[in-house]
């Protein structure tokens, strides 16, 4: 699916399960993003931004941006793209917001099918979370997967 200057913004808004305070050491965040396998599910160009928050007010979390790299991360149909980043704040994600942004191009009405996003945190803490999205993310229409109540009950 050809989309000129299409940008994908993935907002990973996360909240701590439990104590509500981040740890002091660096953590590595590994993300695995699975794109749908039907015709038209993928994208040709992508710019990904991840925002991580530690509470419902959106305070104090890491941010990382990711463009297509030598490994070819670009959210093609049927692919699972993997990438990672390091941040001094170690948090346990329980909320995910996905947004597709065309950054002024003529991509209005474009969409991308995300099957799932897996987040693994390692360092001072060890934590994994799978977000089963299985939805089309449309330009201008964010998708939110909020499992914070489930995480608090566990």
N, C-alpha and C. Protein backbone atom coordinates (compact mmCIF):
# COMPACT_ATOMS: atom_id res chain seq x y z
N UNK A 1 0.86 -1.16 0.00
CA UNK A 1 0.00 0.00 0.00
C UNK A 1 0.91 1.22 0.00
N UNK A 2 0.98 1.92 -1.10
CA UNK A 2 1.88 3.07 -1.21
C UNK A 2 1.25 4.29 -0.58
N UNK A 3 1.98 4.92 0.31
CA UNK A 3 1.51 6.12 0.98
C UNK A 3 2.67 7.09 1.06
N UNK A 4 2.52 8.25 0.40
CA UNK A 4 3.62 9.20 0.40
C UNK A 4 3.71 9.91 1.74
N UNK A 5 4.92 9.95 2.24
CA UNK A 5 5.24 10.64 3.49
C UNK A 5 4.31 10.26 4.63
N UNK A 6 3.86 9.03 4.63
CA UNK A 6 2.98 8.58 5.69
C UNK A 6 3.78 8.37 6.95
N UNK A 7 3.25 8.80 8.03
CA UNK A 7 3.95 8.65 9.30
C UNK A 7 3.06 7.87 10.25
N UNK A 8 3.68 7.02 10.99
CA UNK A 8 2.98 6.25 12.00
C UNK A 8 3.46 6.73 13.35
N UNK A 9 2.54 7.15 14.15
CA UNK A 9 2.90 7.56 15.50
C UNK A 9 2.27 6.58 16.45
N UNK A 10 3.10 5.93 17.19
CA UNK A 10 2.60 4.99 18.18
C UNK A 10 2.84 5.62 19.54
N UNK A 11 1.78 5.90 20.21
CA UNK A 11 1.89 6.45 21.54
C UNK A 11 1.72 5.31 22.53
N UNK A 12 2.75 5.04 23.23
CA UNK A 12 2.65 3.99 24.23
C UNK A 12 2.53 4.70 25.57
N UNK A 13 1.31 4.89 26.01
CA UNK A 13 1.10 5.54 27.29
C UNK A 13 1.03 4.45 28.34
N UNK A 14 1.93 4.47 29.27
CA UNK A 14 2.01 3.38 30.22
C UNK A 14 1.90 3.88 31.64
N UNK A 15 1.49 2.99 32.49
CA UNK A 15 1.30 3.30 33.89
C UNK A 15 1.92 2.20 34.72
N UNK A 16 2.44 2.56 35.88
CA UNK A 16 3.02 1.56 36.77
C UNK A 16 1.93 0.74 37.41
N UNK A 17 2.14 -0.55 37.42
CA UNK A 17 1.27 -1.43 38.19
C UNK A 17 1.94 -1.58 39.55
N UNK A 18 1.20 -1.33 40.60
CA UNK A 18 1.80 -1.49 41.93
C UNK A 18 2.16 -0.18 42.58
N UNK A 19 3.45 0.04 42.87
CA UNK A 19 3.90 1.14 43.73
C UNK A 19 3.66 2.53 43.18
N UNK A 20 3.67 2.71 41.86
CA UNK A 20 3.46 4.03 41.29
C UNK A 20 4.72 4.87 41.18
N UNK A 21 5.90 4.30 41.45
CA UNK A 21 7.14 5.06 41.31
C UNK A 21 8.13 4.29 40.46
N UNK A 22 8.83 4.97 39.54
CA UNK A 22 9.80 4.27 38.70
C UNK A 22 11.05 3.91 39.50
N UNK A 23 11.78 2.92 39.03
CA UNK A 23 13.05 2.57 39.66
C UNK A 23 14.13 3.51 39.17
N UNK A 24 15.34 3.43 39.74
CA UNK A 24 16.40 4.39 39.43
C UNK A 24 17.36 3.98 38.33
N UNK A 25 17.44 2.70 37.94
CA UNK A 25 18.41 2.25 36.95
C UNK A 25 17.86 2.31 35.54
N UNK A 26 18.77 2.17 34.55
CA UNK A 26 18.35 2.15 33.15
C UNK A 26 17.62 0.85 32.83
N UNK A 27 16.64 0.95 31.95
CA UNK A 27 15.93 -0.22 31.45
C UNK A 27 15.95 -0.21 29.94
N UNK A 28 15.97 -1.40 29.37
CA UNK A 28 15.85 -1.55 27.93
C UNK A 28 14.42 -1.95 27.62
N UNK A 29 13.83 -1.27 26.65
CA UNK A 29 12.48 -1.55 26.18
C UNK A 29 12.60 -2.16 24.80
N UNK A 30 12.08 -3.38 24.63
CA UNK A 30 12.06 -4.03 23.33
C UNK A 30 10.61 -4.09 22.87
N UNK A 31 10.37 -3.66 21.65
CA UNK A 31 9.02 -3.66 21.10
C UNK A 31 8.97 -4.53 19.86
N UNK A 32 7.90 -5.32 19.79
CA UNK A 32 7.62 -6.17 18.63
C UNK A 32 6.24 -5.76 18.13
N UNK A 33 6.18 -5.29 16.88
CA UNK A 33 4.92 -4.81 16.32
C UNK A 33 4.54 -5.71 15.15
N UNK A 34 3.38 -6.36 15.24
CA UNK A 34 2.90 -7.28 14.20
C UNK A 34 1.85 -6.58 13.36
N UNK A 35 2.10 -6.51 12.05
CA UNK A 35 1.17 -5.91 11.09
C UNK A 35 0.31 -7.02 10.48
N UNK A 36 -0.95 -6.69 10.19
CA UNK A 36 -1.87 -7.66 9.59
C UNK A 36 -1.36 -8.21 8.27
N UNK A 37 -1.94 -9.34 7.84
CA UNK A 37 -1.47 -10.05 6.65
C UNK A 37 -2.42 -9.95 5.46
N UNK A 38 -3.46 -9.16 5.55
CA UNK A 38 -4.39 -8.99 4.44
C UNK A 38 -3.87 -7.93 3.48
N UNK A 39 -4.23 -7.98 2.20
CA UNK A 39 -3.82 -6.92 1.28
C UNK A 39 -4.25 -5.55 1.81
N UNK A 40 -3.34 -4.60 1.76
CA UNK A 40 -3.63 -3.26 2.24
C UNK A 40 -3.37 -3.02 3.71
N UNK A 41 -2.96 -4.05 4.45
CA UNK A 41 -2.76 -3.90 5.89
C UNK A 41 -1.49 -3.14 6.26
N UNK A 42 -0.46 -3.18 5.42
CA UNK A 42 0.84 -2.59 5.77
C UNK A 42 1.03 -1.19 5.23
N UNK A 43 2.24 -0.67 5.46
CA UNK A 43 2.61 0.67 5.00
C UNK A 43 3.96 0.59 4.32
N UNK A 44 4.23 1.54 3.44
CA UNK A 44 5.53 1.60 2.77
C UNK A 44 6.53 2.46 3.52
N UNK A 45 6.07 3.54 4.12
CA UNK A 45 6.95 4.45 4.84
C UNK A 45 6.39 4.64 6.24
N UNK A 46 7.27 4.71 7.23
CA UNK A 46 6.79 4.89 8.59
C UNK A 46 7.80 5.65 9.43
N UNK A 47 7.29 6.51 10.26
CA UNK A 47 8.07 7.19 11.29
C UNK A 47 7.36 6.90 12.59
N UNK A 48 8.02 6.29 13.53
CA UNK A 48 7.39 5.83 14.75
C UNK A 48 7.89 6.64 15.93
N UNK A 49 6.98 7.12 16.74
CA UNK A 49 7.33 7.79 17.99
C UNK A 49 6.62 7.06 19.12
N UNK A 50 7.37 6.74 20.15
CA UNK A 50 6.82 6.07 21.32
C UNK A 50 6.92 7.00 22.52
N UNK A 51 5.80 7.27 23.16
CA UNK A 51 5.80 8.01 24.41
C UNK A 51 5.37 7.06 25.51
N UNK A 52 6.12 7.05 26.60
CA UNK A 52 5.80 6.21 27.75
C UNK A 52 5.55 7.10 28.96
N UNK A 53 4.42 6.90 29.61
CA UNK A 53 4.06 7.69 30.78
C UNK A 53 3.95 6.77 31.99
N UNK A 54 4.15 7.32 33.17
CA UNK A 54 4.13 6.50 34.38
C UNK A 54 2.86 6.64 35.20
N UNK A 55 1.96 7.56 34.82
CA UNK A 55 0.71 7.69 35.56
C UNK A 55 -0.38 8.24 34.65
N UNK A 56 -1.60 8.27 35.16
CA UNK A 56 -2.74 8.67 34.32
C UNK A 56 -2.71 10.15 33.95
N UNK A 57 -1.88 10.95 34.62
CA UNK A 57 -1.74 12.35 34.28
C UNK A 57 -0.70 12.56 33.18
N UNK A 58 -0.06 11.51 32.72
CA UNK A 58 0.90 11.61 31.64
C UNK A 58 2.26 12.12 32.06
N UNK A 59 2.61 12.00 33.33
CA UNK A 59 3.86 12.56 33.83
C UNK A 59 5.05 11.63 33.70
N UNK A 60 6.18 12.23 33.40
CA UNK A 60 7.50 11.66 33.56
C UNK A 60 7.84 10.35 32.91
N UNK A 61 7.72 10.21 31.62
CA UNK A 61 8.11 8.97 30.98
C UNK A 61 9.05 9.18 29.82
N UNK A 62 9.65 8.10 29.30
CA UNK A 62 10.59 8.21 28.19
C UNK A 62 9.89 8.42 26.85
N UNK A 63 10.63 8.95 25.89
CA UNK A 63 10.16 9.08 24.52
C UNK A 63 11.27 8.64 23.58
N UNK A 64 10.93 7.93 22.54
CA UNK A 64 11.90 7.52 21.53
C UNK A 64 11.24 7.60 20.17
N UNK A 65 12.01 7.99 19.16
CA UNK A 65 11.49 7.97 17.80
C UNK A 65 12.28 6.94 17.00
N UNK A 66 11.62 6.36 16.02
CA UNK A 66 12.25 5.31 15.22
C UNK A 66 11.82 5.46 13.77
N UNK A 67 12.79 5.60 12.87
CA UNK A 67 12.51 5.63 11.45
C UNK A 67 12.97 4.31 10.84
N UNK A 68 12.60 4.06 9.60
CA UNK A 68 13.06 2.84 8.93
C UNK A 68 14.58 2.79 9.03
N UNK A 69 15.08 1.61 9.41
CA UNK A 69 16.53 1.48 9.61
C UNK A 69 17.10 0.41 8.68
N UNK A 70 18.37 0.11 8.86
CA UNK A 70 19.06 -0.88 8.02
C UNK A 70 18.40 -2.24 8.11
N UNK A 71 17.76 -2.53 9.24
CA UNK A 71 17.07 -3.80 9.40
C UNK A 71 15.73 -3.82 8.67
N UNK A 72 15.29 -2.68 8.15
CA UNK A 72 14.07 -2.63 7.36
C UNK A 72 12.79 -2.49 8.15
N UNK A 73 12.85 -2.00 9.38
CA UNK A 73 11.64 -1.83 10.17
C UNK A 73 10.77 -0.78 9.49
N UNK A 74 9.61 -1.21 8.97
CA UNK A 74 8.72 -0.24 8.32
C UNK A 74 7.27 -0.68 8.26
N UNK A 75 6.87 -1.69 8.98
CA UNK A 75 5.47 -2.07 9.11
C UNK A 75 4.84 -2.51 7.80
N UNK A 76 5.53 -3.40 7.08
CA UNK A 76 4.97 -4.00 5.87
C UNK A 76 3.94 -5.05 6.24
N UNK A 77 3.07 -5.35 5.30
CA UNK A 77 2.04 -6.36 5.48
C UNK A 77 2.65 -7.69 5.90
N UNK A 78 2.08 -8.28 6.96
CA UNK A 78 2.49 -9.60 7.41
C UNK A 78 3.79 -9.67 8.19
N UNK A 79 4.43 -8.54 8.44
CA UNK A 79 5.72 -8.55 9.13
C UNK A 79 5.57 -8.33 10.62
N UNK A 80 6.57 -8.81 11.34
CA UNK A 80 6.74 -8.45 12.74
C UNK A 80 8.03 -7.66 12.82
N UNK A 81 7.92 -6.39 13.14
CA UNK A 81 9.08 -5.51 13.24
C UNK A 81 9.50 -5.40 14.70
N UNK A 82 10.82 -5.42 14.92
CA UNK A 82 11.37 -5.38 16.27
C UNK A 82 12.38 -4.25 16.38
N UNK A 83 12.34 -3.54 17.49
CA UNK A 83 13.34 -2.52 17.79
C UNK A 83 13.36 -2.27 19.28
N UNK A 84 14.39 -1.58 19.75
CA UNK A 84 14.53 -1.36 21.19
C UNK A 84 15.14 0.01 21.47
N UNK A 85 15.01 0.43 22.72
CA UNK A 85 15.62 1.66 23.20
C UNK A 85 15.86 1.53 24.70
N UNK A 86 16.72 2.40 25.22
CA UNK A 86 17.06 2.41 26.64
C UNK A 86 16.60 3.72 27.25
N UNK A 87 16.11 3.66 28.49
CA UNK A 87 15.68 4.86 29.20
C UNK A 87 15.96 4.68 30.69
N UNK A 88 16.26 5.76 31.41
CA UNK A 88 16.53 5.63 32.84
C UNK A 88 15.30 5.29 33.67
N UNK A 89 14.10 5.45 33.13
CA UNK A 89 12.89 5.13 33.88
C UNK A 89 12.40 3.74 33.51
N UNK A 90 12.22 2.92 34.51
CA UNK A 90 11.74 1.55 34.32
C UNK A 90 10.28 1.50 34.75
N UNK A 91 9.39 1.25 33.81
CA UNK A 91 7.97 1.20 34.12
C UNK A 91 7.35 -0.05 33.53
N UNK A 92 6.18 -0.42 34.03
CA UNK A 92 5.44 -1.59 33.56
C UNK A 92 4.25 -1.10 32.72
N UNK A 93 4.30 -1.27 31.40
CA UNK A 93 3.22 -0.73 30.56
C UNK A 93 1.92 -1.51 30.72
N UNK A 94 0.81 -0.77 30.79
CA UNK A 94 -0.51 -1.40 30.83
C UNK A 94 -1.50 -0.65 29.93
N UNK A 95 -1.07 0.40 29.27
CA UNK A 95 -1.94 1.17 28.38
C UNK A 95 -1.18 1.52 27.10
N UNK A 96 -1.83 1.34 25.97
CA UNK A 96 -1.22 1.58 24.67
C UNK A 96 -2.16 2.46 23.84
N UNK A 97 -1.62 3.52 23.25
CA UNK A 97 -2.38 4.36 22.33
C UNK A 97 -1.65 4.35 20.99
N UNK A 98 -2.36 3.99 19.93
CA UNK A 98 -1.80 3.97 18.58
C UNK A 98 -2.46 5.08 17.77
N UNK A 99 -1.64 5.85 17.06
CA UNK A 99 -2.17 6.92 16.23
C UNK A 99 -1.40 6.95 14.92
N UNK A 100 -2.10 7.15 13.83
CA UNK A 100 -1.50 7.26 12.51
C UNK A 100 -1.57 8.72 12.09
N UNK A 101 -0.43 9.29 11.72
CA UNK A 101 -0.38 10.71 11.35
C UNK A 101 0.28 10.85 9.99
N UNK A 102 -0.32 11.64 9.12
CA UNK A 102 0.21 11.82 7.77
C UNK A 102 1.11 13.04 7.65
N UNK A 103 1.27 13.82 8.71
CA UNK A 103 2.15 14.99 8.73
C UNK A 103 1.99 15.88 7.51
N UNK A 104 0.75 16.23 7.19
CA UNK A 104 0.50 17.18 6.12
C UNK A 104 0.49 16.61 4.72
N UNK A 105 0.76 15.32 4.55
CA UNK A 105 0.70 14.74 3.20
C UNK A 105 -0.76 14.49 2.83
N UNK A 106 -0.99 13.99 1.66
CA UNK A 106 -2.36 13.74 1.21
C UNK A 106 -2.86 12.38 1.66
N UNK A 107 -2.40 11.93 2.81
CA UNK A 107 -2.75 10.60 3.29
C UNK A 107 -4.00 10.52 4.12
N UNK A 108 -4.89 11.53 4.04
CA UNK A 108 -6.11 11.49 4.82
C UNK A 108 -6.91 10.25 4.46
N UNK A 109 -7.43 9.59 5.45
CA UNK A 109 -8.18 8.37 5.23
C UNK A 109 -7.32 7.13 5.14
N UNK A 110 -6.01 7.25 5.26
CA UNK A 110 -5.11 6.10 5.23
C UNK A 110 -5.30 5.28 6.50
N UNK A 111 -4.96 4.00 6.43
CA UNK A 111 -5.07 3.14 7.59
C UNK A 111 -3.98 2.08 7.58
N UNK A 112 -3.74 1.52 8.75
CA UNK A 112 -2.74 0.48 8.95
C UNK A 112 -3.33 -0.51 9.93
N UNK A 113 -3.21 -1.80 9.64
CA UNK A 113 -3.77 -2.82 10.52
C UNK A 113 -2.70 -3.35 11.46
N UNK A 114 -2.86 -3.07 12.73
CA UNK A 114 -1.94 -3.57 13.76
C UNK A 114 -2.58 -4.77 14.44
N UNK A 115 -1.90 -5.91 14.40
CA UNK A 115 -2.41 -7.08 15.10
C UNK A 115 -2.03 -7.04 16.58
N UNK A 116 -0.76 -6.73 16.86
CA UNK A 116 -0.34 -6.74 18.26
C UNK A 116 0.93 -5.93 18.46
N UNK A 117 1.14 -5.52 19.71
CA UNK A 117 2.37 -4.86 20.14
C UNK A 117 2.81 -5.55 21.42
N UNK A 118 4.01 -6.12 21.40
CA UNK A 118 4.58 -6.76 22.58
C UNK A 118 5.68 -5.86 23.12
N UNK A 119 5.66 -5.61 24.42
CA UNK A 119 6.66 -4.77 25.07
C UNK A 119 7.36 -5.61 26.13
N UNK A 120 8.69 -5.64 26.09
CA UNK A 120 9.50 -6.32 27.10
C UNK A 120 10.43 -5.30 27.73
N UNK A 121 10.41 -5.24 29.06
CA UNK A 121 11.25 -4.31 29.81
C UNK A 121 12.26 -5.14 30.58
N UNK A 122 13.54 -4.77 30.47
CA UNK A 122 14.58 -5.47 31.25
C UNK A 122 15.54 -4.44 31.83
N UNK A 123 16.16 -4.81 32.92
CA UNK A 123 17.08 -3.92 33.64
C UNK A 123 16.79 -4.06 35.12
N UNK A 124 16.46 -2.95 35.78
CA UNK A 124 16.10 -3.01 37.19
C UNK A 124 14.84 -3.84 37.43
N UNK A 125 13.98 -3.90 36.42
CA UNK A 125 12.80 -4.75 36.50
C UNK A 125 12.80 -5.67 35.29
N UNK A 126 12.02 -6.71 35.36
CA UNK A 126 11.82 -7.62 34.23
C UNK A 126 10.32 -7.74 34.04
N UNK A 127 9.82 -7.33 32.86
CA UNK A 127 8.38 -7.29 32.67
C UNK A 127 8.07 -7.43 31.18
N UNK A 128 7.02 -8.18 30.87
CA UNK A 128 6.56 -8.33 29.48
C UNK A 128 5.06 -8.11 29.44
N UNK A 129 4.60 -7.50 28.37
CA UNK A 129 3.18 -7.25 28.19
C UNK A 129 2.84 -7.36 26.71
N UNK A 130 1.80 -8.11 26.40
CA UNK A 130 1.30 -8.22 25.03
C UNK A 130 -0.01 -7.47 24.91
N UNK A 131 -0.06 -6.55 23.98
CA UNK A 131 -1.29 -5.82 23.68
C UNK A 131 -1.87 -6.41 22.40
N UNK A 132 -3.04 -7.01 22.50
CA UNK A 132 -3.71 -7.59 21.33
C UNK A 132 -4.61 -6.50 20.74
N UNK A 133 -4.14 -5.87 19.68
CA UNK A 133 -4.82 -4.72 19.10
C UNK A 133 -5.86 -5.19 18.08
N UNK A 134 -5.43 -5.88 17.04
CA UNK A 134 -6.27 -6.42 15.98
C UNK A 134 -7.31 -5.41 15.47
N UNK A 135 -6.85 -4.20 15.16
CA UNK A 135 -7.71 -3.15 14.65
C UNK A 135 -6.98 -2.34 13.59
N UNK A 136 -7.77 -1.67 12.75
CA UNK A 136 -7.20 -0.71 11.82
C UNK A 136 -7.01 0.61 12.55
N UNK A 137 -5.84 1.18 12.40
CA UNK A 137 -5.54 2.49 12.95
C UNK A 137 -5.67 3.46 11.78
N UNK A 138 -6.60 4.40 11.87
CA UNK A 138 -6.85 5.34 10.78
C UNK A 138 -6.25 6.70 11.11
N UNK A 139 -5.87 7.41 10.07
CA UNK A 139 -5.34 8.76 10.22
C UNK A 139 -6.34 9.61 11.00
N UNK A 140 -5.88 10.23 12.08
CA UNK A 140 -6.74 11.10 12.89
C UNK A 140 -7.65 10.39 13.86
N UNK A 141 -7.58 9.06 13.96
CA UNK A 141 -8.44 8.31 14.88
C UNK A 141 -7.59 7.35 15.72
N UNK A 142 -7.11 7.84 16.86
CA UNK A 142 -6.27 6.99 17.71
C UNK A 142 -7.03 5.78 18.27
N UNK A 143 -6.28 4.74 18.53
CA UNK A 143 -6.82 3.52 19.14
C UNK A 143 -6.17 3.38 20.51
N UNK A 144 -6.95 3.06 21.52
CA UNK A 144 -6.43 2.91 22.87
C UNK A 144 -6.72 1.51 23.39
N UNK A 145 -5.68 0.86 23.90
CA UNK A 145 -5.82 -0.42 24.58
C UNK A 145 -5.42 -0.16 26.03
N UNK A 146 -6.39 -0.16 26.93
CA UNK A 146 -6.14 0.15 28.34
C UNK A 146 -6.41 -1.09 29.18
N UNK A 147 -5.35 -1.67 29.71
CA UNK A 147 -5.46 -2.86 30.55
C UNK A 147 -4.93 -2.58 31.95
N UNK A 148 -4.96 -1.31 32.36
CA UNK A 148 -4.42 -0.94 33.67
C UNK A 148 -5.24 -1.52 34.81
N UNK A 149 -6.56 -1.59 34.67
CA UNK A 149 -7.38 -2.20 35.72
C UNK A 149 -7.05 -3.67 35.88
N UNK A 150 -6.81 -4.37 34.75
CA UNK A 150 -6.42 -5.78 34.80
C UNK A 150 -5.08 -5.94 35.50
N UNK A 151 -4.12 -5.04 35.22
CA UNK A 151 -2.79 -5.11 35.82
C UNK A 151 -2.86 -4.85 37.32
N UNK A 152 -3.71 -3.93 37.75
CA UNK A 152 -3.83 -3.60 39.17
C UNK A 152 -4.47 -4.75 39.94
N UNK A 153 -5.38 -5.49 39.28
CA UNK A 153 -6.05 -6.61 39.94
C UNK A 153 -5.16 -7.83 40.06
N UNK A 154 -4.13 -7.92 39.23
CA UNK A 154 -3.25 -9.11 39.24
C UNK A 154 -2.31 -9.13 40.42
